[in-house]
Every structure is written in C-alpha cells, then in structure tokens.
Amino acid sequence: MTDFDPAAVAAEMHSGGSSGAGYLPGEFPEPARPLMPPAGADLPAAVAASLKEYTDAHTAWERACDAVSEYQETARISRVRREDAIRAAGQAVAQGKPRPKIPAEVSEADEATEVKILAAVVADRRMSANRASRALSDAVIAHAPEFVAPLTARFAPAIEAIREKAGELRRMVEAAEGTVSGVARYRALSHVGVLRKMGASVSDAGVASLVGEYSAAVRSPADRLAAARGRSPLHLLIDMTDAVNGLADAQLDAMPHPDTLGVVGVDGAAQRAAIAEMKSAK
C-alpha cells in the first residue's frame, strides 16, 4: 500500500492540474463572427447601433467566461491552501505546538456544481451575442451600398502612399548598396596603393580585379546568395513596384458575369436581375 504524501498532492494541485469542474480556459465556443462595416467608415445609425449591441453582447460573453475561470482558480487555491494548512498542522502537532486553524476549501464537487451554473450563464450570453451578430450582419448587408463610394475614394491615395514609400525605400536601399560598394572599392584602391609602395605595378585590369574581390569579400554569404537568386533588397523592391502597379489597375466598378455566380438556392435569372439592378444603381 502506497503511503499518502500530502506534499505530493499539494505540488500536483499547484501545477494547475484538472479541476473538479472539467473546464479549461478558452474551452467555451465563441459566438458567431458578424460581417463588419469598413474600419474608419462613417456608420449609418442602424449599423452603429447594431455594432454597439454586438460589442456589448460579446463583452458580456467574455466576462461570463472570465467568471468561470476566476471561480475555478479560487476553488483550486482554496484546496491548495487547505493542504498547506494540513501539512503545517501536522508539523506543529508533531513539535508539540498549538494546532493552527484549518481553512475551509471549495470541494471539487461544489466547484463542479457552481461551474455548471456559471457555464449556463456563458451559454446564455453566447446566444445573445449570436443574435446580435446576425443583426449586425443584416445591417451591414442592408447598408453595404453606402460603403462603396467612401472606400473607392480611399483607393487612389492609398496607392500613391505605397508608391511614395516604395520610392523612399528604394532610395534608402540604393544608398546602403552604394555605401557597401564604396567601402569595398576604396579598400581595394588602398590595397593598390600599398602594392605600389612595395614597387609592384598594378594594371587597370588588376585594379578592377581587386575591386571585384573586395566587393565579394565584404558581402555576407546570405547577401551574395540573395543577389544570385534575384532576391536582393533592390530586386524585391522592383518586384513590389510591379505588384503595386498591378494592384493600381484594379477595376473597382467591375462585376462578375451573372452566369458564373454559383449560389445555392439562387437561379440564374435572379442573379442576372441582381446584377442589372446593381449596374443601374451605379
């Protein structure tokens, strides 16, 4: 028969093992995620109200989840403290000292009962958040046409800002590349000067060869490999510029052909009518 070791039990409890409730942080399913309005947009009153309702409901769900975790932690600590007190009492009695008071604990059974109650609150808050999520999604869909023009107006300035940043980065990279090349070049020329002082005659081809050797020597293996693969900083910036130009060519008023739209439960005639209505509203 194995001896009971209170210290081992206390250590296991301190390690944050499973609780009597059986719930772990983050175990509760999240509420449904709604369709959201554009960031920074001026919101119609209905969308703003729905967004606030959803935010409040989601916050209430988070707080209900936190209440479960906090109660579980409180219950676990109460059991740890009781075990610590029992161990201290045993030592005190063995030494002939007064026996200290043993604090009460929240048993695993009591914890499980309370957590079931708190979990029911979590489930209720989740249902409320789900309803608010659906309402927000419906409001965003209803007011979606009002978001198109403001978003479209942001596009050209955004592209221009990217191009300005890309140009600035390119100038910075070229300056850094020039510094590396310059250091290598003038160190090579210093080498030529030393050779000449020693009486050696260095041809133009020899000077060029030394410059090339120093240029290779000062660069890291990773830098040389990136350049060989067309992945140097300058190469990547050129690729980014090309990609931004492609992004800038986006046709923001384009629409898909109705015959290519496959939405379950919606026939082609309805799709064509929807596309026609959207075109007439442009």
C-alpha atoms as a PDB file:
ATOM      1  CA  MET A   1       0.000   0.000   0.000  1.00  0.00           C
ATOM      2  CA  THR A   2       1.421   3.371  -1.004  1.00  0.00           C
ATOM      3  CA  ASP A   3       1.862   5.987   1.733  1.00  0.00           C
ATOM      4  CA  PHE A   4      -0.206   9.125   1.385  1.00  0.00           C
ATOM      5  CA  ASP A   5       2.040  12.117   0.687  1.00  0.00           C
ATOM      6  CA  PRO A   6       0.272  15.475   1.286  1.00  0.00           C
ATOM      7  CA  ALA A   7       3.239  17.374  -0.164  1.00  0.00           C
ATOM      8  CA  ALA A   8       2.999  15.462  -3.439  1.00  0.00           C
ATOM      9  CA  VAL A   9      -0.722  16.131  -3.637  1.00  0.00           C
ATOM     10  CA  ALA A  10      -0.185  19.828  -2.940  1.00  0.00           C
ATOM     11  CA  ALA A  11       2.526  20.012  -5.598  1.00  0.00           C
ATOM     12  CA  GLU A  12       0.200  18.420  -8.139  1.00  0.00           C
ATOM     13  CA  MET A  13      -2.525  20.909  -7.263  1.00  0.00           C
ATOM     14  CA  HIS A  14      -0.068  23.795  -7.511  1.00  0.00           C
ATOM     15  CA  SER A  15       0.843  22.604 -11.004  1.00  0.00           C
ATOM     16  CA  GLY A  16      -2.579  23.638 -12.269  1.00  0.00           C
ATOM     17  CA  GLY A  17      -3.911  20.163 -12.999  1.00  0.00           C
ATOM     18  CA  SER A  18      -7.505  19.425 -13.901  1.00  0.00           C
ATOM     19  CA  SER A  19     -10.193  20.873 -11.670  1.00  0.00           C
ATOM     20  CA  GLY A  20     -13.370  19.315 -10.445  1.00  0.00           C
ATOM     21  CA  ALA A  21     -15.334  21.323 -12.988  1.00  0.00           C
ATOM     22  CA  GLY A  22     -13.559  19.915 -16.018  1.00  0.00           C
ATOM     23  CA  TYR A  23     -13.425  23.203 -17.942  1.00  0.00           C
ATOM     24  CA  LEU A  24     -10.250  24.708 -19.324  1.00  0.00           C
ATOM     25  CA  PRO A  25      -9.626  28.365 -20.286  1.00  0.00           C
ATOM     26  CA  GLY A  26     -10.808  29.044 -23.827  1.00  0.00           C
ATOM     27  CA  GLU A  27     -12.920  25.880 -23.954  1.00  0.00           C
ATOM     28  CA  PHE A  28     -16.267  27.619 -24.440  1.00  0.00           C
ATOM     29  CA  PRO A  29     -17.215  28.047 -28.122  1.00  0.00           C
ATOM     30  CA  GLU A  30     -17.030  31.597 -29.424  1.00  0.00           C
ATOM     31  CA  PRO A  31     -20.113  33.473 -30.605  1.00  0.00           C
ATOM     32  CA  ALA A  32     -20.615  33.740 -34.356  1.00  0.00           C
ATOM     33  CA  ARG A  33     -18.483  36.377 -36.053  1.00  0.00           C
ATOM     34  CA  PRO A  34     -20.583  39.014 -37.825  1.00  0.00           C
ATOM     35  CA  LEU A  35     -19.990  40.838 -41.068  1.00  0.00           C
ATOM     36  CA  MET A  36     -18.275  44.056 -40.044  1.00  0.00           C
ATOM     37  CA  PRO A  37     -18.511  47.561 -41.523  1.00  0.00           C
ATOM     38  CA  PRO A  38     -15.344  49.072 -43.034  1.00  0.00           C
ATOM     39  CA  ALA A  39     -12.806  50.305 -40.500  1.00  0.00           C
ATOM     40  CA  GLY A  40     -12.908  54.060 -40.097  1.00  0.00           C
ATOM     41  CA  ALA A  41     -16.129  54.487 -42.066  1.00  0.00           C
ATOM     42  CA  ASP A  42     -18.913  56.858 -41.084  1.00  0.00           C
ATOM     43  CA  LEU A  43     -21.603  54.449 -39.954  1.00  0.00           C
ATOM     44  CA  PRO A  44     -25.327  54.810 -40.556  1.00  0.00           C
ATOM     45  CA  ALA A  45     -27.252  54.964 -37.290  1.00  0.00           C
ATOM     46  CA  ALA A  46     -28.666  51.454 -37.689  1.00  0.00           C
ATOM     47  CA  VAL A  47     -25.225  49.935 -38.261  1.00  0.00           C
ATOM     48  CA  ALA A  48     -23.692  51.891 -35.383  1.00  0.00           C
ATOM     49  CA  ALA A  49     -26.453  50.730 -33.037  1.00  0.00           C
ATOM     50  CA  SER A  50     -26.092  47.111 -34.145  1.00  0.00           C
ATOM     51  CA  LEU A  51     -22.319  47.290 -33.772  1.00  0.00           C
ATOM     52  CA  LYS A  52     -22.650  48.602 -30.214  1.00  0.00           C
ATOM     53  CA  GLU A  53     -25.184  45.917 -29.364  1.00  0.00           C
ATOM     54  CA  TYR A  54     -22.880  43.202 -30.692  1.00  0.00           C
ATOM     55  CA  THR A  55     -19.836  44.655 -28.917  1.00  0.00           C
ATOM     56  CA  ASP A  56     -21.717  44.817 -25.625  1.00  0.00           C
ATOM     57  CA  ALA A  57     -23.063  41.284 -26.047  1.00  0.00           C
ATOM     58  CA  HIS A  58     -19.640  39.885 -26.909  1.00  0.00           C
ATOM     59  CA  THR A  59     -18.116  41.669 -23.915  1.00  0.00           C
ATOM     60  CA  ALA A  60     -20.803  40.154 -21.672  1.00  0.00           C
ATOM     61  CA  TRP A  61     -19.922  36.695 -23.028  1.00  0.00           C
ATOM     62  CA  GLU A  62     -16.218  37.285 -22.363  1.00  0.00           C
ATOM     63  CA  ARG A  63     -16.964  38.367 -18.804  1.00  0.00           C
ATOM     64  CA  ALA A  64     -19.087  35.270 -18.231  1.00  0.00           C
ATOM     65  CA  CYS A  65     -16.187  33.108 -19.446  1.00  0.00           C
ATOM     66  CA  ASP A  66     -13.822  35.008 -17.158  1.00  0.00           C
ATOM     67  CA  ALA A  67     -16.155  34.373 -14.233  1.00  0.00           C
ATOM     68  CA  VAL A  68     -15.808  30.617 -14.778  1.00  0.00           C
ATOM     69  CA  SER A  69     -12.020  30.797 -14.935  1.00  0.00           C
ATOM     70  CA  GLU A  70     -11.819  33.057 -11.893  1.00  0.00           C
ATOM     71  CA  TYR A  71     -14.076  30.791  -9.843  1.00  0.00           C
ATOM     72  CA  GLN A  72     -12.090  27.702 -10.839  1.00  0.00           C
ATOM     73  CA  GLU A  73      -8.876  29.427  -9.792  1.00  0.00           C
ATOM     74  CA  THR A  74     -10.408  30.499  -6.479  1.00  0.00           C
ATOM     75  CA  ALA A  75     -11.581  26.942  -5.809  1.00  0.00           C
ATOM     76  CA  ARG A  76      -8.191  25.467  -6.703  1.00  0.00           C
ATOM     77  CA  ILE A  77      -6.375  27.924  -4.447  1.00  0.00           C
ATOM     78  CA  SER A  78      -8.720  27.101  -1.561  1.00  0.00           C
ATOM     79  CA  ARG A  79      -7.796  23.412  -1.834  1.00  0.00           C
ATOM     80  CA  VAL A  80      -4.099  24.183  -2.085  1.00  0.00           C
ATOM     81  CA  ARG A  81      -4.276  26.408   0.994  1.00  0.00           C
ATOM     82  CA  ARG A  82      -6.125  23.729   2.932  1.00  0.00           C
ATOM     83  CA  GLU A  83      -3.497  21.134   2.015  1.00  0.00           C
ATOM     84  CA  ASP A  84      -0.748  23.566   3.014  1.00  0.00           C
ATOM     85  CA  ALA A  85      -2.517  24.182   6.338  1.00  0.00           C
ATOM     86  CA  ILE A  86      -2.962  20.458   6.962  1.00  0.00           C
ATOM     87  CA  ARG A  87       0.716  19.875   6.352  1.00  0.00           C
ATOM     88  CA  ALA A  88       1.638  22.783   8.639  1.00  0.00           C
ATOM     89  CA  ALA A  89      -0.751  21.487  11.318  1.00  0.00           C
ATOM     90  CA  GLY A  90       0.837  18.059  11.187  1.00  0.00           C
ATOM     91  CA  GLN A  91       4.267  19.572  11.680  1.00  0.00           C
ATOM     92  CA  ALA A  92       3.005  21.770  14.530  1.00  0.00           C
ATOM     93  CA  VAL A  93       1.361  18.879  16.384  1.00  0.00           C
ATOM     94  CA  ALA A  94       4.464  16.730  15.920  1.00  0.00           C
ATOM     95  CA  GLN A  95       6.531  19.504  17.519  1.00  0.00           C
ATOM     96  CA  GLY A  96       4.106  19.962  20.393  1.00  0.00           C
ATOM     97  CA  LYS A  97       2.951  23.342  19.197  1.00  0.00           C
ATOM     98  CA  PRO A  98      -0.664  24.573  19.095  1.00  0.00           C
ATOM     99  CA  ARG A  99      -2.580  23.236  16.166  1.00  0.00           C
ATOM    100  CA  PRO A 100      -3.353  26.028  13.661  1.00  0.00           C
ATOM    101  CA  LYS A 101      -6.794  26.557  12.201  1.00  0.00           C
ATOM    102  CA  ILE A 102      -7.516  24.588   9.041  1.00  0.00           C
ATOM    103  CA  PRO A 103      -9.275  26.795   6.453  1.00  0.00           C
ATOM    104  CA  ALA A 104     -12.313  25.605   4.563  1.00  0.00           C
ATOM    105  CA  GLU A 105     -11.991  24.585   0.937  1.00  0.00           C
ATOM    106  CA  VAL A 106     -14.211  24.521  -2.118  1.00  0.00           C
ATOM    107  CA  SER A 107     -14.517  20.841  -2.895  1.00  0.00           C
ATOM    108  CA  GLU A 108     -14.283  19.577  -6.447  1.00  0.00           C
ATOM    109  CA  ALA A 109     -17.945  18.565  -6.260  1.00  0.00           C
ATOM    110  CA  ASP A 110     -19.004  22.043  -5.132  1.00  0.00           C
ATOM    111  CA  GLU A 111     -16.783  23.576  -7.783  1.00  0.00           C
ATOM    112  CA  ALA A 112     -18.355  21.417 -10.482  1.00  0.00           C
ATOM    113  CA  THR A 113     -21.846  22.463  -9.363  1.00  0.00           C
ATOM    114  CA  GLU A 114     -21.039  26.166  -9.360  1.00  0.00           C
ATOM    115  CA  VAL A 115     -19.250  25.981 -12.696  1.00  0.00           C
ATOM    116  CA  LYS A 116     -22.286  24.296 -14.267  1.00  0.00           C
ATOM    117  CA  ILE A 117     -24.324  27.296 -13.154  1.00  0.00           C
ATOM    118  CA  LEU A 118     -21.739  29.747 -14.475  1.00  0.00           C
ATOM    119  CA  ALA A 119     -21.460  27.774 -17.717  1.00  0.00           C
ATOM    120  CA  ALA A 120     -25.198  28.158 -18.222  1.00  0.00           C
ATOM    121  CA  VAL A 121     -24.681  31.915 -17.976  1.00  0.00           C
ATOM    122  CA  VAL A 122     -21.925  31.645 -20.604  1.00  0.00           C
ATOM    123  CA  ALA A 123     -24.271  29.750 -22.924  1.00  0.00           C
ATOM    124  CA  ASP A 124     -26.991  32.372 -22.456  1.00  0.00           C
ATOM    125  CA  ARG A 125     -24.551  35.208 -23.184  1.00  0.00           C
ATOM    126  CA  ARG A 126     -23.351  33.371 -26.267  1.00  0.00           C
ATOM    127  CA  MET A 127     -26.898  33.087 -27.607  1.00  0.00           C
ATOM    128  CA  SER A 128     -27.382  36.807 -27.035  1.00  0.00           C
ATOM    129  CA  ALA A 129     -24.109  37.535 -28.844  1.00  0.00           C
ATOM    130  CA  ASN A 130     -25.164  35.272 -31.715  1.00  0.00           C
ATOM    131  CA  ARG A 131     -28.426  37.190 -32.097  1.00  0.00           C
ATOM    132  CA  ALA A 132     -26.536  40.485 -32.036  1.00  0.00           C
ATOM    133  CA  SER A 133     -24.069  39.090 -34.575  1.00  0.00           C
ATOM    134  CA  ARG A 134     -26.851  38.187 -37.001  1.00  0.00           C
ATOM    135  CA  ALA A 135     -28.457  41.606 -36.529  1.00  0.00           C
ATOM    136  CA  LEU A 136     -25.158  43.360 -37.252  1.00  0.00           C
ATOM    137  CA  SER A 137     -24.560  41.240 -40.356  1.00  0.00           C
ATOM    138  CA  ASP A 138     -28.053  42.072 -41.613  1.00  0.00           C
ATOM    139  CA  ALA A 139     -27.464  45.791 -41.002  1.00  0.00           C
ATOM    140  CA  VAL A 140     -24.120  45.727 -42.817  1.00  0.00           C
ATOM    141  CA  ILE A 141     -25.678  43.966 -45.814  1.00  0.00           C
ATOM    142  CA  ALA A 142     -28.570  46.425 -45.892  1.00  0.00           C
ATOM    143  CA  HIS A 143     -26.220  49.426 -45.873  1.00  0.00           C
ATOM    144  CA  ALA A 144     -23.390  47.915 -47.945  1.00  0.00           C
ATOM    145  CA  PRO A 145     -24.048  50.228 -50.959  1.00  0.00           C
ATOM    146  CA  GLU A 146     -23.337  53.236 -48.733  1.00  0.00           C
ATOM    147  CA  PHE A 147     -19.827  51.970 -48.002  1.00  0.00           C
ATOM    148  CA  VAL A 148     -18.721  51.533 -51.617  1.00  0.00           C
ATOM    149  CA  ALA A 149     -18.129  55.175 -52.594  1.00  0.00           C
ATOM    150  CA  PRO A 150     -16.116  56.151 -49.486  1.00  0.00           C
ATOM    151  CA  LEU A 151     -13.951  53.064 -49.848  1.00  0.00           C
ATOM    152  CA  THR A 152     -13.417  53.756 -53.542  1.00  0.00           C
ATOM    153  CA  ALA A 153     -12.291  57.285 -52.705  1.00  0.00           C
ATOM    154  CA  ARG A 154      -9.579  55.861 -50.447  1.00  0.00           C
ATOM    155  CA  PHE A 155      -8.032  53.734 -53.190  1.00  0.00           C
ATOM    156  CA  ALA A 156      -6.020  56.227 -55.250  1.00  0.00           C
ATOM    157  CA  PRO A 157      -4.478  57.944 -52.192  1.00  0.00           C
ATOM    158  CA  ALA A 158      -3.576  54.534 -50.769  1.00  0.00           C
ATOM    159  CA  ILE A 159      -1.788  53.532 -53.981  1.00  0.00           C
ATOM    160  CA  GLU A 160       0.036  56.860 -54.110  1.00  0.00           C
ATOM    161  CA  ALA A 161       1.140  56.464 -50.486  1.00  0.00           C
ATOM    162  CA  ILE A 162       2.521  52.999 -51.261  1.00  0.00           C
ATOM    163  CA  ARG A 163       4.416  54.331 -54.258  1.00  0.00           C
ATOM    164  CA  GLU A 164       5.910  57.137 -52.185  1.00  0.00           C
ATOM    165  CA  LYS A 165       7.035  54.691 -49.516  1.00  0.00           C
ATOM    166  CA  ALA A 166       8.430  52.319 -52.135  1.00  0.00           C
ATOM    167  CA  GLY A 167      10.380  55.166 -53.725  1.00  0.00           C
ATOM    168  CA  GLU A 168      11.724  56.205 -50.340  1.00  0.00           C
ATOM    169  CA  LEU A 169      12.745  52.634 -49.542  1.00  0.00           C
ATOM    170  CA  ARG A 170      14.416  52.275 -52.930  1.00  0.00           C
ATOM    171  CA  ARG A 171      16.482  55.406 -52.340  1.00  0.00           C
ATOM    172  CA  MET A 172      17.483  54.123 -48.904  1.00  0.00           C
ATOM    173  CA  VAL A 173      18.461  50.717 -50.275  1.00  0.00           C
ATOM    174  CA  GLU A 174      20.430  52.271 -53.107  1.00  0.00           C
ATOM    175  CA  ALA A 175      22.257  54.454 -50.566  1.00  0.00           C
ATOM    176  CA  ALA A 176      23.105  51.413 -48.430  1.00  0.00           C
ATOM    177  CA  GLU A 177      24.211  49.444 -51.502  1.00  0.00           C
ATOM    178  CA  GLY A 178      26.344  52.414 -52.545  1.00  0.00           C
ATOM    179  CA  THR A 179      27.967  52.516 -49.116  1.00  0.00           C
ATOM    180  CA  VAL A 180      28.899  48.832 -49.264  1.00  0.00           C
ATOM    181  CA  SER A 181      30.231  49.168 -52.813  1.00  0.00           C
ATOM    182  CA  GLY A 182      32.102  52.356 -51.915  1.00  0.00           C
ATOM    183  CA  VAL A 183      33.801  50.790 -48.903  1.00  0.00           C
ATOM    184  CA  ALA A 184      34.847  47.787 -50.987  1.00  0.00           C
ATOM    185  CA  ARG A 185      36.103  49.992 -53.833  1.00  0.00           C
ATOM    186  CA  TYR A 186      38.210  52.309 -51.699  1.00  0.00           C
ATOM    187  CA  ARG A 187      39.632  49.491 -49.628  1.00  0.00           C
ATOM    188  CA  ALA A 188      40.669  47.846 -52.897  1.00  0.00           C
ATOM    189  CA  LEU A 189      42.270  51.087 -54.065  1.00  0.00           C
ATOM    190  CA  SER A 190      44.076  51.309 -50.722  1.00  0.00           C
ATOM    191  CA  HIS A 191      45.376  47.809 -51.428  1.00  0.00           C
ATOM    192  CA  VAL A 192      46.625  49.026 -54.821  1.00  0.00           C
ATOM    193  CA  GLY A 193      48.397  51.900 -53.098  1.00  0.00           C
ATOM    194  CA  VAL A 194      50.177  49.515 -50.736  1.00  0.00           C
ATOM    195  CA  LEU A 195      51.280  47.351 -53.665  1.00  0.00           C
ATOM    196  CA  ARG A 196      52.659  50.383 -55.488  1.00  0.00           C
ATOM    197  CA  LYS A 197      54.604  51.443 -52.405  1.00  0.00           C
ATOM    198  CA  MET A 198      56.130  47.992 -52.475  1.00  0.00           C
ATOM    199  CA  GLY A 199      57.222  48.620 -56.072  1.00  0.00           C
ATOM    200  CA  ALA A 200      54.576  46.477 -57.746  1.00  0.00           C
ATOM    201  CA  SER A 201      52.977  47.606 -60.981  1.00  0.00           C
ATOM    202  CA  VAL A 202      49.217  47.100 -60.976  1.00  0.00           C
ATOM    203  CA  SER A 203      47.377  47.364 -64.299  1.00  0.00           C
ATOM    204  CA  ASP A 204      43.871  48.713 -64.774  1.00  0.00           C
ATOM    205  CA  ALA A 205      42.676  45.130 -65.099  1.00  0.00           C
ATOM    206  CA  GLY A 206      44.410  44.322 -61.826  1.00  0.00           C
ATOM    207  CA  VAL A 207      42.713  47.247 -60.120  1.00  0.00           C
ATOM    208  CA  ALA A 208      39.332  46.083 -61.413  1.00  0.00           C
ATOM    209  CA  SER A 209      40.078  42.550 -60.234  1.00  0.00           C
ATOM    210  CA  LEU A 210      40.936  43.739 -56.736  1.00  0.00           C
ATOM    211  CA  VAL A 211      37.775  45.853 -56.580  1.00  0.00           C
ATOM    212  CA  GLY A 212      35.738  42.779 -57.514  1.00  0.00           C
ATOM    213  CA  GLU A 213      37.485  40.642 -54.894  1.00  0.00           C
ATOM    214  CA  TYR A 214      36.898  43.191 -52.153  1.00  0.00           C
ATOM    215  CA  SER A 215      33.270  43.631 -53.223  1.00  0.00           C
ATOM    216  CA  ALA A 216      32.725  39.891 -52.855  1.00  0.00           C
ATOM    217  CA  ALA A 217      34.612  39.750 -49.558  1.00  0.00           C
ATOM    218  CA  VAL A 218      32.618  42.446 -47.757  1.00  0.00           C
ATOM    219  CA  ARG A 219      29.236  40.929 -48.589  1.00  0.00           C
ATOM    220  CA  SER A 220      27.770  38.189 -46.430  1.00  0.00           C
ATOM    221  CA  PRO A 221      27.056  34.742 -47.922  1.00  0.00           C
ATOM    222  CA  ALA A 222      23.328  35.375 -47.472  1.00  0.00           C
ATOM    223  CA  ASP A 223      23.598  38.688 -49.334  1.00  0.00           C
ATOM    224  CA  ARG A 224      25.516  37.101 -52.212  1.00  0.00           C
ATOM    225  CA  LEU A 225      23.038  34.224 -52.425  1.00  0.00           C
ATOM    226  CA  ALA A 226      20.066  36.617 -52.436  1.00  0.00           C
ATOM    227  CA  ALA A 227      21.639  38.642 -55.249  1.00  0.00           C
ATOM    228  CA  ALA A 228      22.342  35.484 -57.265  1.00  0.00           C
ATOM    229  CA  ARG A 229      18.696  34.434 -56.895  1.00  0.00           C
ATOM    230  CA  GLY A 230      17.319  37.852 -57.756  1.00  0.00           C
ATOM    231  CA  ARG A 231      16.152  38.315 -54.171  1.00  0.00           C
ATOM    232  CA  SER A 232      18.294  41.262 -53.114  1.00  0.00           C
ATOM    233  CA  PRO A 233      16.528  44.187 -51.422  1.00  0.00           C
ATOM    234  CA  LEU A 234      16.614  46.152 -54.668  1.00  0.00           C
ATOM    235  CA  HIS A 235      15.213  43.214 -56.653  1.00  0.00           C
ATOM    236  CA  LEU A 236      12.401  42.795 -54.142  1.00  0.00           C
ATOM    237  CA  LEU A 237      11.538  46.487 -54.258  1.00  0.00           C
ATOM    238  CA  ILE A 238      11.353  46.351 -58.048  1.00  0.00           C
ATOM    239  CA  ASP A 239       9.060  43.308 -57.771  1.00  0.00           C
ATOM    240  CA  MET A 240       6.930  45.152 -55.216  1.00  0.00           C
ATOM    241  CA  THR A 241       6.643  48.150 -57.519  1.00  0.00           C
ATOM    242  CA  ASP A 242       5.424  45.881 -60.313  1.00  0.00           C
ATOM    243  CA  ALA A 243       2.920  44.271 -57.941  1.00  0.00           C
ATOM    244  CA  VAL A 244       1.648  47.663 -56.773  1.00  0.00           C
ATOM    245  CA  ASN A 245       1.186  48.716 -60.393  1.00  0.00           C
ATOM    246  CA  GLY A 246      -0.924  45.606 -60.874  1.00  0.00           C
ATOM    247  CA  LEU A 247      -2.950  46.460 -57.791  1.00  0.00           C
ATOM    248  CA  ALA A 248      -3.419  50.008 -59.077  1.00  0.00           C
ATOM    249  CA  ASP A 249      -5.042  48.610 -62.230  1.00  0.00           C
ATOM    250  CA  ALA A 250      -7.938  47.172 -60.204  1.00  0.00           C
ATOM    251  CA  GLN A 251     -11.324  47.936 -61.767  1.00  0.00           C
ATOM    252  CA  LEU A 252     -13.334  48.742 -58.674  1.00  0.00           C
ATOM    253  CA  ASP A 253     -16.613  49.041 -60.569  1.00  0.00           C
ATOM    254  CA  ALA A 254     -16.270  45.664 -62.310  1.00  0.00           C
ATOM    255  CA  MET A 255     -18.888  42.970 -61.703  1.00  0.00           C
ATOM    256  CA  PRO A 256     -18.780  39.222 -62.300  1.00  0.00           C
ATOM    257  CA  HIS A 257     -20.848  37.748 -65.100  1.00  0.00           C
ATOM    258  CA  PRO A 258     -24.146  36.509 -63.651  1.00  0.00           C
ATOM    259  CA  ASP A 259     -23.798  33.125 -65.355  1.00  0.00           C
ATOM    260  CA  THR A 260     -20.606  32.439 -63.388  1.00  0.00           C
ATOM    261  CA  LEU A 261     -22.211  33.031 -59.993  1.00  0.00           C
ATOM    262  CA  GLY A 262     -22.997  29.819 -58.181  1.00  0.00           C
ATOM    263  CA  VAL A 263     -25.045  30.480 -55.056  1.00  0.00           C
ATOM    264  CA  VAL A 264     -27.063  27.585 -53.689  1.00  0.00           C
ATOM    265  CA  GLY A 265     -30.781  28.284 -53.881  1.00  0.00           C
ATOM    266  CA  VAL A 266     -30.470  31.223 -56.302  1.00  0.00           C
ATOM    267  CA  ASP A 267     -31.147  30.650 -60.004  1.00  0.00           C
ATOM    268  CA  GLY A 268     -29.509  32.395 -62.945  1.00  0.00           C
ATOM    269  CA  ALA A 269     -32.479  34.683 -63.605  1.00  0.00           C
ATOM    270  CA  ALA A 270     -32.303  36.080 -60.082  1.00  0.00           C
ATOM    271  CA  GLN A 271     -28.557  36.602 -60.415  1.00  0.00           C
ATOM    272  CA  ARG A 272     -28.962  38.467 -63.710  1.00  0.00           C
ATOM    273  CA  ALA A 273     -31.674  40.653 -62.195  1.00  0.00           C
ATOM    274  CA  ALA A 274     -29.470  41.427 -59.197  1.00  0.00           C
ATOM    275  CA  ILE A 275     -26.521  42.389 -61.421  1.00  0.00           C
ATOM    276  CA  ALA A 276     -28.774  44.571 -63.566  1.00  0.00           C
ATOM    277  CA  GLU A 277     -30.137  46.372 -60.502  1.00  0.00           C
ATOM    278  CA  MET A 278     -26.636  46.987 -59.162  1.00  0.00           C
ATOM    279  CA  LYS A 279     -25.500  48.383 -62.518  1.00  0.00           C
ATOM    280  CA  SER A 280     -28.460  50.739 -62.652  1.00  0.00           C
ATOM    281  CA  ALA A 281     -27.648  51.976 -59.149  1.00  0.00           C
ATOM    282  CA  LYS A 282     -24.047  52.897 -60.061  1.00  0.00           C
END
